[in-house]
C-alpha atoms as a PDB file:
ATOM      1  CA  UNK A   1      56.350   7.476  29.457  1.00  0.00           C
ATOM      2  CA  UNK A   2      53.733   5.671  31.570  1.00  0.00           C
ATOM      3  CA  UNK A   3      55.545   3.019  33.615  1.00  0.00           C
ATOM      4  CA  UNK A   4      52.317   0.982  33.810  1.00  0.00           C
ATOM      5  CA  UNK A   5      52.351   0.253  30.079  1.00  0.00           C
ATOM      6  CA  UNK A   6      53.340  -3.362  29.422  1.00  0.00           C
ATOM      7  CA  UNK A   7      55.299  -4.806  26.525  1.00  0.00           C
ATOM      8  CA  UNK A   8      52.605  -7.262  25.484  1.00  0.00           C
ATOM      9  CA  UNK A   9      53.878 -10.305  23.601  1.00  0.00           C
ATOM     10  CA  UNK A  10      52.023 -13.057  21.766  1.00  0.00           C
ATOM     11  CA  UNK A  11      53.630 -16.470  22.050  1.00  0.00           C
ATOM     12  CA  UNK A  12      52.795 -19.937  20.800  1.00  0.00           C
ATOM     13  CA  UNK A  13      52.235 -22.384  23.637  1.00  0.00           C
ATOM     14  CA  UNK A  14      55.464 -24.264  24.321  1.00  0.00           C
ATOM     15  CA  UNK A  15      57.715 -25.061  27.279  1.00  0.00           C
ATOM     16  CA  UNK A  16      59.331 -21.619  27.221  1.00  0.00           C
ATOM     17  CA  UNK A  17      56.087 -19.634  27.125  1.00  0.00           C
ATOM     18  CA  UNK A  18      54.523 -21.836  29.820  1.00  0.00           C
ATOM     19  CA  UNK A  19      57.462 -21.184  32.166  1.00  0.00           C
ATOM     20  CA  UNK A  20      57.010 -17.463  31.534  1.00  0.00           C
ATOM     21  CA  UNK A  21      53.266 -17.757  32.130  1.00  0.00           C
ATOM     22  CA  UNK A  22      53.820 -19.592  35.414  1.00  0.00           C
ATOM     23  CA  UNK A  23      56.272 -16.914  36.599  1.00  0.00           C
ATOM     24  CA  UNK A  24      53.888 -14.117  35.678  1.00  0.00           C
ATOM     25  CA  UNK A  25      50.951 -15.752  37.466  1.00  0.00           C
ATOM     26  CA  UNK A  26      53.029 -16.418  40.592  1.00  0.00           C
ATOM     27  CA  UNK A  27      54.059 -12.746  40.550  1.00  0.00           C
ATOM     28  CA  UNK A  28      50.397 -11.677  40.464  1.00  0.00           C
ATOM     29  CA  UNK A  29      50.487 -10.571  36.817  1.00  0.00           C
ATOM     30  CA  UNK A  30      47.974 -11.464  34.073  1.00  0.00           C
ATOM     31  CA  UNK A  31      48.169 -13.951  31.199  1.00  0.00           C
ATOM     32  CA  UNK A  32      45.648 -14.318  28.373  1.00  0.00           C
ATOM     33  CA  UNK A  33      45.080 -17.902  27.277  1.00  0.00           C
ATOM     34  CA  UNK A  34      42.846 -19.817  24.854  1.00  0.00           C
ATOM     35  CA  UNK A  35      39.928 -22.014  25.809  1.00  0.00           C
ATOM     36  CA  UNK A  36      37.525 -23.947  23.606  1.00  0.00           C
ATOM     37  CA  UNK A  37      35.007 -21.073  23.916  1.00  0.00           C
ATOM     38  CA  UNK A  38      36.826 -17.684  23.976  1.00  0.00           C
ATOM     39  CA  UNK A  39      40.192 -16.377  25.195  1.00  0.00           C
ATOM     40  CA  UNK A  40      40.411 -15.815  28.949  1.00  0.00           C
ATOM     41  CA  UNK A  41      42.291 -13.171  30.922  1.00  0.00           C
ATOM     42  CA  UNK A  42      43.882 -15.145  33.725  1.00  0.00           C
ATOM     43  CA  UNK A  43      45.122 -14.066  37.121  1.00  0.00           C
ATOM     44  CA  UNK A  44      45.836 -15.866  40.386  1.00  0.00           C
ATOM     45  CA  UNK A  45      42.431 -16.419  41.994  1.00  0.00           C
ATOM     46  CA  UNK A  46      43.842 -16.424  45.531  1.00  0.00           C
ATOM     47  CA  UNK A  47      45.417 -12.970  45.103  1.00  0.00           C
ATOM     48  CA  UNK A  48      43.469  -9.751  45.682  1.00  0.00           C
ATOM     49  CA  UNK A  49      46.211  -7.922  43.761  1.00  0.00           C
ATOM     50  CA  UNK A  50      45.897 -10.117  40.673  1.00  0.00           C
ATOM     51  CA  UNK A  51      42.097 -10.078  40.691  1.00  0.00           C
ATOM     52  CA  UNK A  52      42.067  -6.284  40.983  1.00  0.00           C
ATOM     53  CA  UNK A  53      44.335  -6.147  37.924  1.00  0.00           C
ATOM     54  CA  UNK A  54      41.805  -8.211  35.954  1.00  0.00           C
ATOM     55  CA  UNK A  55      39.010  -5.760  36.736  1.00  0.00           C
ATOM     56  CA  UNK A  56      41.279  -2.792  35.955  1.00  0.00           C
ATOM     57  CA  UNK A  57      42.590  -4.172  32.636  1.00  0.00           C
ATOM     58  CA  UNK A  58      39.069  -4.868  31.398  1.00  0.00           C
ATOM     59  CA  UNK A  59      37.341  -1.853  32.942  1.00  0.00           C
ATOM     60  CA  UNK A  60      34.937  -4.419  34.377  1.00  0.00           C
ATOM     61  CA  UNK A  61      32.133  -3.495  36.823  1.00  0.00           C
ATOM     62  CA  UNK A  62      33.054  -4.473  40.369  1.00  0.00           C
ATOM     63  CA  UNK A  63      29.827  -6.466  40.923  1.00  0.00           C
ATOM     64  CA  UNK A  64      30.313  -8.760  37.914  1.00  0.00           C
ATOM     65  CA  UNK A  65      31.790 -12.029  39.262  1.00  0.00           C
ATOM     66  CA  UNK A  66      34.600 -14.031  37.690  1.00  0.00           C
ATOM     67  CA  UNK A  67      34.925 -17.721  36.844  1.00  0.00           C
ATOM     68  CA  UNK A  68      37.775 -19.764  38.304  1.00  0.00           C
ATOM     69  CA  UNK A  69      39.501 -22.137  35.878  1.00  0.00           C
ATOM     70  CA  UNK A  70      41.375 -25.290  36.927  1.00  0.00           C
ATOM     71  CA  UNK A  71      42.931 -28.233  35.094  1.00  0.00           C
ATOM     72  CA  UNK A  72      41.201 -31.606  34.738  1.00  0.00           C
ATOM     73  CA  UNK A  73      43.091 -33.278  37.587  1.00  0.00           C
ATOM     74  CA  UNK A  74      42.527 -30.457  40.084  1.00  0.00           C
ATOM     75  CA  UNK A  75      40.555 -31.411  43.208  1.00  0.00           C
ATOM     76  CA  UNK A  76      37.447 -29.208  43.051  1.00  0.00           C
ATOM     77  CA  UNK A  77      36.713 -29.842  46.730  1.00  0.00           C
ATOM     78  CA  UNK A  78      39.691 -27.641  47.595  1.00  0.00           C
ATOM     79  CA  UNK A  79      37.583 -24.727  46.393  1.00  0.00           C
ATOM     80  CA  UNK A  80      33.912 -25.653  46.639  1.00  0.00           C
ATOM     81  CA  UNK A  81      31.285 -27.760  48.382  1.00  0.00           C
ATOM     82  CA  UNK A  82      29.478 -30.314  46.236  1.00  0.00           C
ATOM     83  CA  UNK A  83      26.025 -30.486  47.824  1.00  0.00           C
ATOM     84  CA  UNK A  84      24.098 -32.729  45.428  1.00  0.00           C
ATOM     85  CA  UNK A  85      24.926 -36.099  43.866  1.00  0.00           C
ATOM     86  CA  UNK A  86      23.736 -34.975  40.421  1.00  0.00           C
ATOM     87  CA  UNK A  87      26.827 -32.754  40.223  1.00  0.00           C
ATOM     88  CA  UNK A  88      29.037 -35.842  39.866  1.00  0.00           C
ATOM     89  CA  UNK A  89      26.956 -36.956  36.876  1.00  0.00           C
ATOM     90  CA  UNK A  90      27.444 -33.536  35.282  1.00  0.00           C
ATOM     91  CA  UNK A  91      31.180 -33.710  35.892  1.00  0.00           C
ATOM     92  CA  UNK A  92      31.384 -37.144  34.268  1.00  0.00           C
ATOM     93  CA  UNK A  93      29.267 -36.069  31.295  1.00  0.00           C
ATOM     94  CA  UNK A  94      30.576 -32.601  30.480  1.00  0.00           C
ATOM     95  CA  UNK A  95      33.963 -31.903  32.049  1.00  0.00           C
ATOM     96  CA  UNK A  96      36.410 -30.938  30.779  1.00  0.00           C
ATOM     97  CA  UNK A  97      34.202 -28.805  28.554  1.00  0.00           C
ATOM     98  CA  UNK A  98      32.204 -25.595  28.130  1.00  0.00           C
ATOM     99  CA  UNK A  99      30.219 -25.895  31.369  1.00  0.00           C
ATOM    100  CA  UNK A 100      30.744 -23.640  34.380  1.00  0.00           C
ATOM    101  CA  UNK A 101      29.124 -24.659  37.658  1.00  0.00           C
ATOM    102  CA  UNK A 102      28.315 -22.326  40.539  1.00  0.00           C
ATOM    103  CA  UNK A 103      28.905 -23.956  43.926  1.00  0.00           C
ATOM    104  CA  UNK A 104      29.011 -22.889  47.549  1.00  0.00           C
ATOM    105  CA  UNK A 105      32.555 -21.646  47.932  1.00  0.00           C
ATOM    106  CA  UNK A 106      34.948 -22.580  50.724  1.00  0.00           C
ATOM    107  CA  UNK A 107      36.476 -19.116  50.925  1.00  0.00           C
ATOM    108  CA  UNK A 108      39.860 -20.227  49.572  1.00  0.00           C
ATOM    109  CA  UNK A 109      40.066 -17.612  46.812  1.00  0.00           C
ATOM    110  CA  UNK A 110      39.961 -13.834  46.846  1.00  0.00           C
ATOM    111  CA  UNK A 111      36.546 -12.468  47.851  1.00  0.00           C
ATOM    112  CA  UNK A 112      36.837 -10.163  44.849  1.00  0.00           C
ATOM    113  CA  UNK A 113      36.369 -13.142  42.507  1.00  0.00           C
ATOM    114  CA  UNK A 114      32.748 -13.657  43.562  1.00  0.00           C
ATOM    115  CA  UNK A 115      32.156 -10.001  44.419  1.00  0.00           C
ATOM    116  CA  UNK A 116      31.569 -10.885  48.063  1.00  0.00           C
ATOM    117  CA  UNK A 117      29.084 -13.717  47.458  1.00  0.00           C
ATOM    118  CA  UNK A 118      29.452 -17.075  49.210  1.00  0.00           C
ATOM    119  CA  UNK A 119      29.254 -18.885  45.864  1.00  0.00           C
ATOM    120  CA  UNK A 120      32.059 -19.647  43.421  1.00  0.00           C
ATOM    121  CA  UNK A 121      31.838 -20.346  39.666  1.00  0.00           C
ATOM    122  CA  UNK A 122      34.338 -22.989  38.498  1.00  0.00           C
ATOM    123  CA  UNK A 123      35.146 -24.354  35.056  1.00  0.00           C
ATOM    124  CA  UNK A 124      37.466 -27.001  33.596  1.00  0.00           C
ATOM    125  CA  UNK A 125      38.119 -26.032  29.960  1.00  0.00           C
ATOM    126  CA  UNK A 126      38.779 -28.782  27.445  1.00  0.00           C
ATOM    127  CA  UNK A 127      41.138 -27.064  25.004  1.00  0.00           C
ATOM    128  CA  UNK A 128      44.703 -28.353  24.912  1.00  0.00           C
ATOM    129  CA  UNK A 129      46.076 -24.824  25.276  1.00  0.00           C
ATOM    130  CA  UNK A 130      44.037 -24.111  28.381  1.00  0.00           C
ATOM    131  CA  UNK A 131      44.940 -27.440  29.954  1.00  0.00           C
ATOM    132  CA  UNK A 132      48.653 -26.914  29.250  1.00  0.00           C
ATOM    133  CA  UNK A 133      48.548 -23.469  30.872  1.00  0.00           C
ATOM    134  CA  UNK A 134      46.481 -24.558  33.878  1.00  0.00           C
ATOM    135  CA  UNK A 135      48.636 -27.622  34.516  1.00  0.00           C
ATOM    136  CA  UNK A 136      51.805 -25.523  34.240  1.00  0.00           C
ATOM    137  CA  UNK A 137      50.641 -23.074  36.896  1.00  0.00           C
ATOM    138  CA  UNK A 138      48.737 -25.712  38.918  1.00  0.00           C
ATOM    139  CA  UNK A 139      46.803 -22.964  40.685  1.00  0.00           C
ATOM    140  CA  UNK A 140      43.194 -21.719  40.478  1.00  0.00           C
ATOM    141  CA  UNK A 141      42.986 -19.021  37.799  1.00  0.00           C
ATOM    142  CA  UNK A 142      40.272 -16.367  37.764  1.00  0.00           C
ATOM    143  CA  UNK A 143      39.520 -15.552  34.132  1.00  0.00           C
ATOM    144  CA  UNK A 144      36.825 -13.557  32.385  1.00  0.00           C
ATOM    145  CA  UNK A 145      37.017 -13.082  28.619  1.00  0.00           C
ATOM    146  CA  UNK A 146      40.232 -11.324  27.540  1.00  0.00           C
ATOM    147  CA  UNK A 147      38.725  -8.144  26.137  1.00  0.00           C
ATOM    148  CA  UNK A 148      37.782  -4.654  27.236  1.00  0.00           C
ATOM    149  CA  UNK A 149      34.485  -4.806  29.124  1.00  0.00           C
ATOM    150  CA  UNK A 150      31.374  -4.626  26.899  1.00  0.00           C
ATOM    151  CA  UNK A 151      33.366  -5.266  23.703  1.00  0.00           C
ATOM    152  CA  UNK A 152      32.944  -8.451  21.666  1.00  0.00           C
ATOM    153  CA  UNK A 153      34.692 -11.431  23.256  1.00  0.00           C
ATOM    154  CA  UNK A 154      37.975 -12.508  21.587  1.00  0.00           C
ATOM    155  CA  UNK A 155      38.380 -15.797  19.754  1.00  0.00           C
ATOM    156  CA  UNK A 156      41.934 -15.267  18.475  1.00  0.00           C
ATOM    157  CA  UNK A 157      45.155 -14.017  20.064  1.00  0.00           C
ATOM    158  CA  UNK A 158      45.045 -11.032  17.698  1.00  0.00           C
ATOM    159  CA  UNK A 159      41.629 -10.067  19.056  1.00  0.00           C
ATOM    160  CA  UNK A 160      43.083 -10.065  22.577  1.00  0.00           C
ATOM    161  CA  UNK A 161      46.061  -7.979  21.469  1.00  0.00           C
ATOM    162  CA  UNK A 162      43.797  -5.409  19.831  1.00  0.00           C
ATOM    163  CA  UNK A 163      41.993  -4.832  23.149  1.00  0.00           C
ATOM    164  CA  UNK A 164      44.663  -5.386  25.785  1.00  0.00           C
ATOM    165  CA  UNK A 165      47.992  -4.424  24.189  1.00  0.00           C
ATOM    166  CA  UNK A 166      49.996  -2.532  26.813  1.00  0.00           C
ATOM    167  CA  UNK A 167      47.828  -3.772  29.685  1.00  0.00           C
ATOM    168  CA  UNK A 168      49.143  -7.340  30.093  1.00  0.00           C
ATOM    169  CA  UNK A 169      52.480  -9.089  29.575  1.00  0.00           C
ATOM    170  CA  UNK A 170      51.615 -12.285  27.743  1.00  0.00           C
ATOM    171  CA  UNK A 171      49.059 -13.720  25.345  1.00  0.00           C
ATOM    172  CA  UNK A 172      49.323 -17.474  24.814  1.00  0.00           C
ATOM    173  CA  UNK A 173      48.330 -18.163  21.217  1.00  0.00           C
ATOM    174  CA  UNK A 174      46.315 -21.338  20.757  1.00  0.00           C
ATOM    175  CA  UNK A 175      44.705 -20.425  17.452  1.00  0.00           C
ATOM    176  CA  UNK A 176      41.023 -19.701  16.875  1.00  0.00           C
ATOM    177  CA  UNK A 177      38.615 -20.875  19.568  1.00  0.00           C
ATOM    178  CA  UNK A 178      36.222 -23.378  18.035  1.00  0.00           C
ATOM    179  CA  UNK A 179      33.280 -23.071  20.444  1.00  0.00           C
ATOM    180  CA  UNK A 180      32.887 -19.367  19.875  1.00  0.00           C
ATOM    181  CA  UNK A 181      30.575 -18.357  22.740  1.00  0.00           C
ATOM    182  CA  UNK A 182      31.190 -18.480  26.469  1.00  0.00           C
ATOM    183  CA  UNK A 183      30.425 -21.512  28.602  1.00  0.00           C
ATOM    184  CA  UNK A 184      27.018 -22.424  29.944  1.00  0.00           C
ATOM    185  CA  UNK A 185      26.804 -21.317  33.581  1.00  0.00           C
ATOM    186  CA  UNK A 186      24.806 -23.656  35.818  1.00  0.00           C
ATOM    187  CA  UNK A 187      23.797 -23.021  39.433  1.00  0.00           C
ATOM    188  CA  UNK A 188      24.254 -26.310  41.319  1.00  0.00           C
ATOM    189  CA  UNK A 189      23.537 -24.963  44.814  1.00  0.00           C
ATOM    190  CA  UNK A 190      19.916 -26.139  44.665  1.00  0.00           C
ATOM    191  CA  UNK A 191      18.075 -29.443  44.158  1.00  0.00           C
ATOM    192  CA  UNK A 192      17.271 -28.655  40.519  1.00  0.00           C
ATOM    193  CA  UNK A 193      20.159 -27.132  38.531  1.00  0.00           C
ATOM    194  CA  UNK A 194      19.458 -23.677  37.056  1.00  0.00           C
ATOM    195  CA  UNK A 195      20.976 -22.264  33.887  1.00  0.00           C
ATOM    196  CA  UNK A 196      22.221 -18.755  34.652  1.00  0.00           C
ATOM    197  CA  UNK A 197      23.776 -18.232  31.206  1.00  0.00           C
ATOM    198  CA  UNK A 198      23.083 -20.354  28.122  1.00  0.00           C
ATOM    199  CA  UNK A 199      25.932 -21.809  26.101  1.00  0.00           C
ATOM    200  CA  UNK A 200      27.091 -24.876  24.223  1.00  0.00           C
ATOM    201  CA  UNK A 201      25.965 -27.307  26.940  1.00  0.00           C
ATOM    202  CA  UNK A 202      22.208 -27.009  26.469  1.00  0.00           C
ATOM    203  CA  UNK A 203      19.220 -27.578  28.735  1.00  0.00           C
ATOM    204  CA  UNK A 204      18.236 -30.739  26.825  1.00  0.00           C
ATOM    205  CA  UNK A 205      21.759 -32.135  27.233  1.00  0.00           C
ATOM    206  CA  UNK A 206      21.665 -31.474  30.984  1.00  0.00           C
ATOM    207  CA  UNK A 207      18.198 -32.985  31.373  1.00  0.00           C
ATOM    208  CA  UNK A 208      19.356 -36.181  29.670  1.00  0.00           C
ATOM    209  CA  UNK A 209      22.034 -36.574  32.333  1.00  0.00           C
ATOM    210  CA  UNK A 210      20.292 -35.436  35.537  1.00  0.00           C
ATOM    211  CA  UNK A 211      16.584 -35.572  34.700  1.00  0.00           C
ATOM    212  CA  UNK A 212      15.643 -31.959  35.290  1.00  0.00           C
ATOM    213  CA  UNK A 213      16.974 -28.453  34.697  1.00  0.00           C
ATOM    214  CA  UNK A 214      15.434 -24.966  34.548  1.00  0.00           C
ATOM    215  CA  UNK A 215      16.387 -21.520  33.320  1.00  0.00           C
ATOM    216  CA  UNK A 216      17.004 -18.880  35.991  1.00  0.00           C
ATOM    217  CA  UNK A 217      14.900 -15.747  35.598  1.00  0.00           C
ATOM    218  CA  UNK A 218      17.901 -13.451  36.243  1.00  0.00           C
ATOM    219  CA  UNK A 219      15.836 -10.575  37.599  1.00  0.00           C
ATOM    220  CA  UNK A 220      17.481  -7.173  37.888  1.00  0.00           C
ATOM    221  CA  UNK A 221      17.023  -7.340  41.673  1.00  0.00           C
ATOM    222  CA  UNK A 222      18.812 -10.715  41.972  1.00  0.00           C
ATOM    223  CA  UNK A 223      22.372 -10.971  43.224  1.00  0.00           C
ATOM    224  CA  UNK A 224      24.583 -11.609  40.207  1.00  0.00           C
ATOM    225  CA  UNK A 225      25.939 -15.171  40.510  1.00  0.00           C
ATOM    226  CA  UNK A 226      27.219 -15.358  36.929  1.00  0.00           C
ATOM    227  CA  UNK A 227      28.972 -13.125  34.427  1.00  0.00           C
ATOM    228  CA  UNK A 228      27.074 -12.166  31.297  1.00  0.00           C
ATOM    229  CA  UNK A 229      23.614 -11.694  32.803  1.00  0.00           C
ATOM    230  CA  UNK A 230      23.438  -8.068  33.907  1.00  0.00           C
ATOM    231  CA  UNK A 231      25.421  -5.686  31.727  1.00  0.00           C
ATOM    232  CA  UNK A 232      25.688  -4.820  28.052  1.00  0.00           C
ATOM    233  CA  UNK A 233      28.140  -7.239  26.476  1.00  0.00           C
ATOM    234  CA  UNK A 234      29.716  -8.366  23.231  1.00  0.00           C
ATOM    235  CA  UNK A 235      29.170  -5.082  21.323  1.00  0.00           C
ATOM    236  CA  UNK A 236      31.329  -4.339  18.252  1.00  0.00           C
ATOM    237  CA  UNK A 237      32.791  -0.887  17.585  1.00  0.00           C
ATOM    238  CA  UNK A 238      30.265   0.035  14.897  1.00  0.00           C
ATOM    239  CA  UNK A 239      26.534   0.653  14.747  1.00  0.00           C
ATOM    240  CA  UNK A 240      24.297  -2.395  15.062  1.00  0.00           C
ATOM    241  CA  UNK A 241      20.655  -3.360  14.825  1.00  0.00           C
ATOM    242  CA  UNK A 242      18.869  -6.694  15.306  1.00  0.00           C
ATOM    243  CA  UNK A 243      15.811  -7.795  13.317  1.00  0.00           C
ATOM    244  CA  UNK A 244      13.632 -10.840  13.878  1.00  0.00           C
ATOM    245  CA  UNK A 245      14.006 -13.294  10.995  1.00  0.00           C
ATOM    246  CA  UNK A 246      10.300 -12.970  10.130  1.00  0.00           C
ATOM    247  CA  UNK A 247      11.034  -9.286   9.454  1.00  0.00           C
ATOM    248  CA  UNK A 248      13.780  -9.979   6.918  1.00  0.00           C
ATOM    249  CA  UNK A 249      12.114  -7.670   4.363  1.00  0.00           C
ATOM    250  CA  UNK A 250      12.339  -4.814   6.876  1.00  0.00           C
ATOM    251  CA  UNK A 251      16.004  -5.692   7.341  1.00  0.00           C
ATOM    252  CA  UNK A 252      16.518  -5.551   3.571  1.00  0.00           C
ATOM    253  CA  UNK A 253      14.808  -2.136   3.389  1.00  0.00           C
ATOM    254  CA  UNK A 254      16.981  -0.885   6.253  1.00  0.00           C
ATOM    255  CA  UNK A 255      20.075  -2.135   4.420  1.00  0.00           C
ATOM    256  CA  UNK A 256      19.022  -0.511   1.126  1.00  0.00           C
ATOM    257  CA  UNK A 257      18.360   2.842   2.820  1.00  0.00           C
ATOM    258  CA  UNK A 258      21.823   2.777   4.399  1.00  0.00           C
ATOM    259  CA  UNK A 259      23.388   2.124   1.007  1.00  0.00           C
ATOM    260  CA  UNK A 260      21.474   5.098  -0.433  1.00  0.00           C
ATOM    261  CA  UNK A 261      23.017   7.223   2.352  1.00  0.00           C
ATOM    262  CA  UNK A 262      26.493   6.152   1.241  1.00  0.00           C
ATOM    263  CA  UNK A 263      26.959   3.723   4.132  1.00  0.00           C
ATOM    264  CA  UNK A 264      28.594   0.284   3.992  1.00  0.00           C
ATOM    265  CA  UNK A 265      26.276  -2.112   5.864  1.00  0.00           C
ATOM    266  CA  UNK A 266      26.641  -5.875   6.303  1.00  0.00           C
ATOM    267  CA  UNK A 267      24.074  -8.515   7.214  1.00  0.00           C
ATOM    268  CA  UNK A 268      25.008 -10.816  10.118  1.00  0.00           C
ATOM    269  CA  UNK A 269      22.829 -13.882   9.771  1.00  0.00           C
ATOM    270  CA  UNK A 270      22.705 -17.596   9.133  1.00  0.00           C
ATOM    271  CA  UNK A 271      23.114 -18.743   5.558  1.00  0.00           C
ATOM    272  CA  UNK A 272      19.494 -19.936   5.257  1.00  0.00           C
ATOM    273  CA  UNK A 273      17.970 -16.501   5.876  1.00  0.00           C
ATOM    274  CA  UNK A 274      20.625 -14.833   3.727  1.00  0.00           C
ATOM    275  CA  UNK A 275      19.283 -16.679   0.676  1.00  0.00           C
ATOM    276  CA  UNK A 276      16.291 -14.316   0.945  1.00  0.00           C
ATOM    277  CA  UNK A 277      18.480 -11.187   1.135  1.00  0.00           C
ATOM    278  CA  UNK A 278      20.797  -9.233  -1.130  1.00  0.00           C
ATOM    279  CA  UNK A 279      23.938  -7.378  -0.052  1.00  0.00           C
ATOM    280  CA  UNK A 280      27.165  -7.707   1.930  1.00  0.00           C
ATOM    281  CA  UNK A 281      27.099 -10.699   4.226  1.00  0.00           C
ATOM    282  CA  UNK A 282      28.968 -11.834   7.340  1.00  0.00           C
ATOM    283  CA  UNK A 283      28.284 -15.579   7.111  1.00  0.00           C
ATOM    284  CA  UNK A 284      27.392 -17.413  10.314  1.00  0.00           C
ATOM    285  CA  UNK A 285      26.815 -20.828   8.730  1.00  0.00           C
ATOM    286  CA  UNK A 286      23.790 -23.088   9.166  1.00  0.00           C
ATOM    287  CA  UNK A 287      24.050 -25.370  12.209  1.00  0.00           C
ATOM    288  CA  UNK A 288      23.935 -24.139  15.806  1.00  0.00           C
ATOM    289  CA  UNK A 289      27.544 -25.186  16.318  1.00  0.00           C
ATOM    290  CA  UNK A 290      28.686 -23.299  13.199  1.00  0.00           C
ATOM    291  CA  UNK A 291      26.777 -20.161  14.139  1.00  0.00           C
ATOM    292  CA  UNK A 292      28.132 -20.152  17.701  1.00  0.00           C
ATOM    293  CA  UNK A 293      31.681 -20.716  16.454  1.00  0.00           C
ATOM    294  CA  UNK A 294      31.444 -17.866  13.942  1.00  0.00           C
ATOM    295  CA  UNK A 295      29.458 -15.262  15.896  1.00  0.00           C
ATOM    296  CA  UNK A 296      32.192 -13.275  17.663  1.00  0.00           C
ATOM    297  CA  UNK A 297      34.674 -13.777  14.833  1.00  0.00           C
ATOM    298  CA  UNK A 298      32.205 -12.216  12.387  1.00  0.00           C
ATOM    299  CA  UNK A 299      31.259  -9.395  14.757  1.00  0.00           C
ATOM    300  CA  UNK A 300      34.931  -8.482  15.133  1.00  0.00           C
ATOM    301  CA  UNK A 301      35.464  -8.808  11.388  1.00  0.00           C
ATOM    302  CA  UNK A 302      32.409  -6.654  10.782  1.00  0.00           C
ATOM    303  CA  UNK A 303      33.513  -3.787  13.004  1.00  0.00           C
ATOM    304  CA  UNK A 304      36.582  -3.375  10.765  1.00  0.00           C
ATOM    305  CA  UNK A 305      34.774  -3.335   7.410  1.00  0.00           C
ATOM    306  CA  UNK A 306      31.178  -2.243   8.091  1.00  0.00           C
ATOM    307  CA  UNK A 307      29.537   1.058   9.020  1.00  0.00           C
ATOM    308  CA  UNK A 308      26.516  -0.878  10.250  1.00  0.00           C
ATOM    309  CA  UNK A 309      25.978  -4.532  11.204  1.00  0.00           C
ATOM    310  CA  UNK A 310      22.400  -5.678  10.601  1.00  0.00           C
ATOM    311  CA  UNK A 311      21.840  -8.784  12.703  1.00  0.00           C
ATOM    312  CA  UNK A 312      18.984 -11.192  12.059  1.00  0.00           C
ATOM    313  CA  UNK A 313      17.846 -13.740  14.643  1.00  0.00           C
ATOM    314  CA  UNK A 314      18.865 -17.345  14.075  1.00  0.00           C
ATOM    315  CA  UNK A 315      16.838 -20.541  14.010  1.00  0.00           C
ATOM    316  CA  UNK A 316      19.038 -23.595  13.578  1.00  0.00           C
ATOM    317  CA  UNK A 317      16.599 -25.897  15.368  1.00  0.00           C
ATOM    318  CA  UNK A 318      19.127 -26.471  18.169  1.00  0.00           C
ATOM    319  CA  UNK A 319      18.993 -25.515  21.863  1.00  0.00           C
ATOM    320  CA  UNK A 320      22.302 -23.768  21.195  1.00  0.00           C
ATOM    321  CA  UNK A 321      20.193 -20.996  19.646  1.00  0.00           C
ATOM    322  CA  UNK A 322      19.348 -19.854  23.186  1.00  0.00           C
ATOM    323  CA  UNK A 323      23.003 -19.087  23.883  1.00  0.00           C
ATOM    324  CA  UNK A 324      23.520 -17.528  20.463  1.00  0.00           C
ATOM    325  CA  UNK A 325      20.511 -15.237  20.815  1.00  0.00           C
ATOM    326  CA  UNK A 326      21.562 -14.306  24.348  1.00  0.00           C
ATOM    327  CA  UNK A 327      24.794 -12.948  22.838  1.00  0.00           C
ATOM    328  CA  UNK A 328      23.241 -11.387  19.734  1.00  0.00           C
ATOM    329  CA  UNK A 329      20.578  -9.560  21.742  1.00  0.00           C
ATOM    330  CA  UNK A 330      23.287  -8.023  23.929  1.00  0.00           C
ATOM    331  CA  UNK A 331      25.603  -7.233  21.011  1.00  0.00           C
ATOM    332  CA  UNK A 332      23.011  -5.580  18.748  1.00  0.00           C
ATOM    333  CA  UNK A 333      20.408  -2.906  19.429  1.00  0.00           C
ATOM    334  CA  UNK A 334      16.883  -4.177  18.888  1.00  0.00           C
ATOM    335  CA  UNK A 335      15.085  -2.873  15.788  1.00  0.00           C
END
């Protein structure tokens, strides 16, 4: 028997499980925990040993940086330098919440967290489960999504268990994550904040608070300051394809041909475009918030029941579509 195999348990968040979580973190082990976006795989950010375990458990590329999570009363200046006054406005407006900010780091966490860069990505999640865990440990926690690298991000404790059973000791069960896609990542090391990864805090929301904001180009030659911008991500364990919504008739023909071949395809699309289609359907809803909340849940549902997921681009009229399409374009092969 492999002595490295863990007896992974799922536990509701209560005093007993939080004591266990604190002990595991202090002993440089890993704990999966819920946030308002997706489940995170947490390890002590100041420990090279713990951070290495995160990369190993996920099979994560060594140049893909991690985000450090802290509770709402944690003093961020212990970890980072706040160089611009607009950052305080962002903190007041959006934290706790699904916004990660990339600062100049002070070198107080493992260099492995930022993959050797002098910057550090920090987030204060708003979910009660995350706050309870982070307050219990009262330490900076490095945490990517709690899944095997490149697979669809988990939004339930069961999703985490399916990917990481035997690799970690504890999964704190906080129910389904409501946000559904990872946090917006914002570079605040320059005079105008730059969105490195789109999410639920949108460019229009940021502009309303600080006046200006831009999207980073994220060129292949750039140093990777944020997770989710370089590698294939979010892919389910079945075949996929992504059609533009204007090509919905092509998507229907593709679906029909798969059925003729004896396959079991499903459409993954918003409910408005589905009214024009006929066949199995993984419903994403209508509004940007609904679609974001349902995206990973439906992808993970689809990989269990479908031979082929046929994604169709969304258009809810919200800036959140940018984050949704960022995930869909990485999860599904383009038609």
